[in-house]
N, C-alpha and C. Protein backbone atom coordinates (compact mmCIF):
# COMPACT_ATOMS: atom_id res chain seq x y z
N MET A 1 0.85 -1.18 0.00
CA MET A 1 0.00 0.00 0.00
C MET A 1 0.89 1.24 0.00
N ASN A 2 0.44 2.29 -0.65
CA ASN A 2 1.23 3.51 -0.67
C ASN A 2 0.38 4.72 -0.35
N LYS A 3 1.06 5.81 -0.05
CA LYS A 3 0.39 7.05 0.31
C LYS A 3 0.68 8.15 -0.70
N ILE A 4 1.02 7.77 -1.91
CA ILE A 4 1.36 8.75 -2.93
C ILE A 4 0.21 9.74 -3.14
N LYS A 5 -0.99 9.23 -3.27
CA LYS A 5 -2.14 10.11 -3.51
C LYS A 5 -2.32 11.10 -2.35
N GLU A 6 -2.16 10.62 -1.11
CA GLU A 6 -2.32 11.49 0.06
C GLU A 6 -1.32 12.65 0.02
N VAL A 7 -0.07 12.34 -0.31
CA VAL A 7 0.96 13.38 -0.36
C VAL A 7 0.66 14.38 -1.47
N LEU A 8 0.23 13.88 -2.62
CA LEU A 8 -0.11 14.78 -3.72
C LEU A 8 -1.25 15.73 -3.33
N VAL A 9 -2.27 15.20 -2.69
CA VAL A 9 -3.41 16.02 -2.27
C VAL A 9 -2.96 17.05 -1.23
N GLU A 10 -2.18 16.60 -0.23
CA GLU A 10 -1.70 17.52 0.81
C GLU A 10 -0.91 18.68 0.23
N ARG A 11 -0.19 18.42 -0.84
CA ARG A 11 0.68 19.45 -1.43
C ARG A 11 0.06 20.13 -2.64
N ASP A 12 -1.20 19.81 -2.90
CA ASP A 12 -1.93 20.41 -4.02
C ASP A 12 -1.20 20.19 -5.35
N LEU A 13 -0.72 18.95 -5.54
CA LEU A 13 -0.04 18.55 -6.77
C LEU A 13 -0.91 17.53 -7.49
N SER A 14 -0.81 17.50 -8.80
CA SER A 14 -1.63 16.58 -9.57
C SER A 14 -0.86 15.33 -9.96
N GLN A 15 -1.60 14.30 -10.26
CA GLN A 15 -1.00 13.08 -10.77
C GLN A 15 -0.36 13.32 -12.14
N ILE A 16 -0.94 14.22 -12.91
CA ILE A 16 -0.37 14.57 -14.21
C ILE A 16 1.01 15.20 -14.02
N TRP A 17 1.12 16.09 -13.05
CA TRP A 17 2.41 16.72 -12.75
C TRP A 17 3.45 15.66 -12.37
N LEU A 18 3.06 14.74 -11.49
CA LEU A 18 3.99 13.70 -11.06
C LEU A 18 4.38 12.82 -12.24
N ALA A 19 3.43 12.49 -13.08
CA ALA A 19 3.72 11.66 -14.26
C ALA A 19 4.77 12.34 -15.14
N LYS A 20 4.64 13.65 -15.35
CA LYS A 20 5.61 14.38 -16.16
C LYS A 20 6.99 14.37 -15.50
N GLN A 21 7.02 14.55 -14.19
CA GLN A 21 8.29 14.55 -13.47
C GLN A 21 8.99 13.21 -13.56
N LEU A 22 8.19 12.13 -13.54
CA LEU A 22 8.74 10.77 -13.60
C LEU A 22 9.03 10.31 -15.02
N GLY A 23 8.43 10.97 -16.00
CA GLY A 23 8.55 10.49 -17.38
C GLY A 23 7.71 9.25 -17.60
N LYS A 24 6.61 9.16 -16.85
CA LYS A 24 5.68 8.03 -16.95
C LYS A 24 4.33 8.55 -17.43
N SER A 25 3.48 7.63 -17.85
CA SER A 25 2.15 8.02 -18.29
C SER A 25 1.27 8.35 -17.08
N TYR A 26 0.25 9.18 -17.33
CA TYR A 26 -0.72 9.47 -16.29
C TYR A 26 -1.36 8.18 -15.79
N ASN A 27 -1.67 7.26 -16.72
CA ASN A 27 -2.32 6.01 -16.33
C ASN A 27 -1.47 5.21 -15.35
N MET A 28 -0.16 5.22 -15.55
CA MET A 28 0.73 4.48 -14.64
C MET A 28 0.71 5.13 -13.25
N VAL A 29 0.85 6.44 -13.20
CA VAL A 29 0.85 7.13 -11.91
C VAL A 29 -0.50 6.98 -11.23
N ASN A 30 -1.58 7.05 -12.00
CA ASN A 30 -2.91 6.84 -11.43
C ASN A 30 -3.04 5.44 -10.85
N SER A 31 -2.44 4.46 -11.49
CA SER A 31 -2.45 3.10 -10.96
C SER A 31 -1.73 3.02 -9.63
N TYR A 32 -0.62 3.77 -9.50
CA TYR A 32 0.09 3.83 -8.21
C TYR A 32 -0.79 4.48 -7.16
N ALA A 33 -1.39 5.61 -7.52
CA ALA A 33 -2.18 6.39 -6.56
C ALA A 33 -3.44 5.64 -6.11
N GLN A 34 -3.99 4.80 -6.98
CA GLN A 34 -5.20 4.05 -6.66
C GLN A 34 -4.90 2.67 -6.09
N ASN A 35 -3.62 2.37 -5.91
CA ASN A 35 -3.17 1.07 -5.37
C ASN A 35 -3.56 -0.11 -6.25
N ARG A 36 -3.71 0.14 -7.55
CA ARG A 36 -3.93 -0.97 -8.47
C ARG A 36 -2.60 -1.60 -8.86
N ARG A 37 -1.54 -0.81 -8.76
CA ARG A 37 -0.19 -1.26 -9.08
C ARG A 37 0.76 -0.58 -8.11
N GLN A 38 1.79 -1.31 -7.68
CA GLN A 38 2.79 -0.75 -6.79
C GLN A 38 4.03 -0.38 -7.60
N PRO A 39 4.60 0.80 -7.32
CA PRO A 39 5.81 1.18 -8.05
C PRO A 39 6.98 0.29 -7.63
N SER A 40 7.91 0.11 -8.54
CA SER A 40 9.13 -0.62 -8.19
C SER A 40 9.87 0.18 -7.13
N ILE A 41 10.81 -0.44 -6.47
CA ILE A 41 11.60 0.25 -5.45
C ILE A 41 12.31 1.45 -6.07
N GLU A 42 12.86 1.26 -7.26
CA GLU A 42 13.55 2.36 -7.94
C GLU A 42 12.61 3.54 -8.18
N VAL A 43 11.42 3.26 -8.67
CA VAL A 43 10.44 4.32 -8.94
C VAL A 43 9.96 4.94 -7.63
N LEU A 44 9.78 4.14 -6.60
CA LEU A 44 9.37 4.66 -5.30
C LEU A 44 10.38 5.68 -4.79
N PHE A 45 11.68 5.37 -4.93
CA PHE A 45 12.71 6.30 -4.49
C PHE A 45 12.73 7.56 -5.36
N ARG A 46 12.45 7.42 -6.66
CA ARG A 46 12.37 8.61 -7.53
C ARG A 46 11.20 9.49 -7.10
N ILE A 47 10.07 8.86 -6.79
CA ILE A 47 8.90 9.61 -6.34
C ILE A 47 9.22 10.34 -5.03
N SER A 48 9.88 9.64 -4.12
CA SER A 48 10.22 10.27 -2.83
C SER A 48 11.15 11.46 -3.03
N ASP A 49 12.08 11.36 -3.97
CA ASP A 49 12.97 12.49 -4.27
C ASP A 49 12.18 13.67 -4.84
N ILE A 50 11.29 13.38 -5.77
CA ILE A 50 10.49 14.43 -6.41
C ILE A 50 9.60 15.13 -5.38
N LEU A 51 8.99 14.34 -4.50
CA LEU A 51 8.07 14.89 -3.51
C LEU A 51 8.78 15.36 -2.24
N ASN A 52 10.09 15.12 -2.18
CA ASN A 52 10.89 15.53 -1.04
C ASN A 52 10.37 14.93 0.28
N VAL A 53 10.11 13.64 0.24
CA VAL A 53 9.71 12.89 1.44
C VAL A 53 10.54 11.62 1.49
N GLU A 54 10.61 11.02 2.67
CA GLU A 54 11.29 9.75 2.82
C GLU A 54 10.47 8.66 2.13
N ALA A 55 11.15 7.74 1.46
CA ALA A 55 10.46 6.65 0.77
C ALA A 55 9.57 5.88 1.74
N LYS A 56 10.06 5.67 2.97
CA LYS A 56 9.28 4.91 3.96
C LYS A 56 7.97 5.62 4.29
N ASP A 57 7.94 6.94 4.14
CA ASP A 57 6.72 7.69 4.43
C ASP A 57 5.66 7.52 3.34
N LEU A 58 6.07 6.98 2.20
CA LEU A 58 5.10 6.71 1.12
C LEU A 58 4.49 5.32 1.25
N LEU A 59 4.97 4.56 2.22
CA LEU A 59 4.46 3.21 2.43
C LEU A 59 3.50 3.22 3.60
N LYS A 60 2.44 2.50 3.45
CA LYS A 60 1.43 2.39 4.51
C LYS A 60 1.46 0.96 5.01
N GLU A 61 1.55 0.82 6.30
CA GLU A 61 1.57 -0.51 6.90
C GLU A 61 0.23 -1.20 6.68
N LYS A 62 0.31 -2.45 6.25
CA LYS A 62 -0.90 -3.24 6.04
C LYS A 62 -1.22 -3.91 7.36
N ARG A 63 -2.39 -3.66 7.88
CA ARG A 63 -2.78 -4.23 9.17
C ARG A 63 -3.66 -5.45 8.93
N LEU A 64 -3.30 -6.49 9.62
CA LEU A 64 -4.09 -7.72 9.53
C LEU A 64 -5.03 -7.77 10.73
N ILE A 65 -6.25 -8.16 10.46
CA ILE A 65 -7.24 -8.29 11.53
C ILE A 65 -7.19 -9.72 12.04
N LYS A 66 -6.92 -9.85 13.34
CA LYS A 66 -6.86 -11.18 13.94
C LYS A 66 -8.20 -11.48 14.59
N LYS A 67 -8.64 -12.71 14.39
CA LYS A 67 -9.91 -13.13 15.02
C LYS A 67 -9.63 -14.21 16.02
C-alpha cells in the first residue's frame, strides 16, 4: 500500500504533474495512486525524491485483523 495520492493532495499537486516529473504516463501514476499497481523500489525512491519525502513515508503498513 502507498500514500502517494495522500501526499499529492496535501501538497496540491496533480497526478499529471507527477507523471511528467517521472517520465511516466498518467495512467501508470494513477495506478500507483489508486493502489492498483505498486511502483518498483527504484520508482518509489524517484517519487520520494520528487516529492521531497522519505520513501518509507510513502508506504502504509498493512494491518491484519486477527480473530
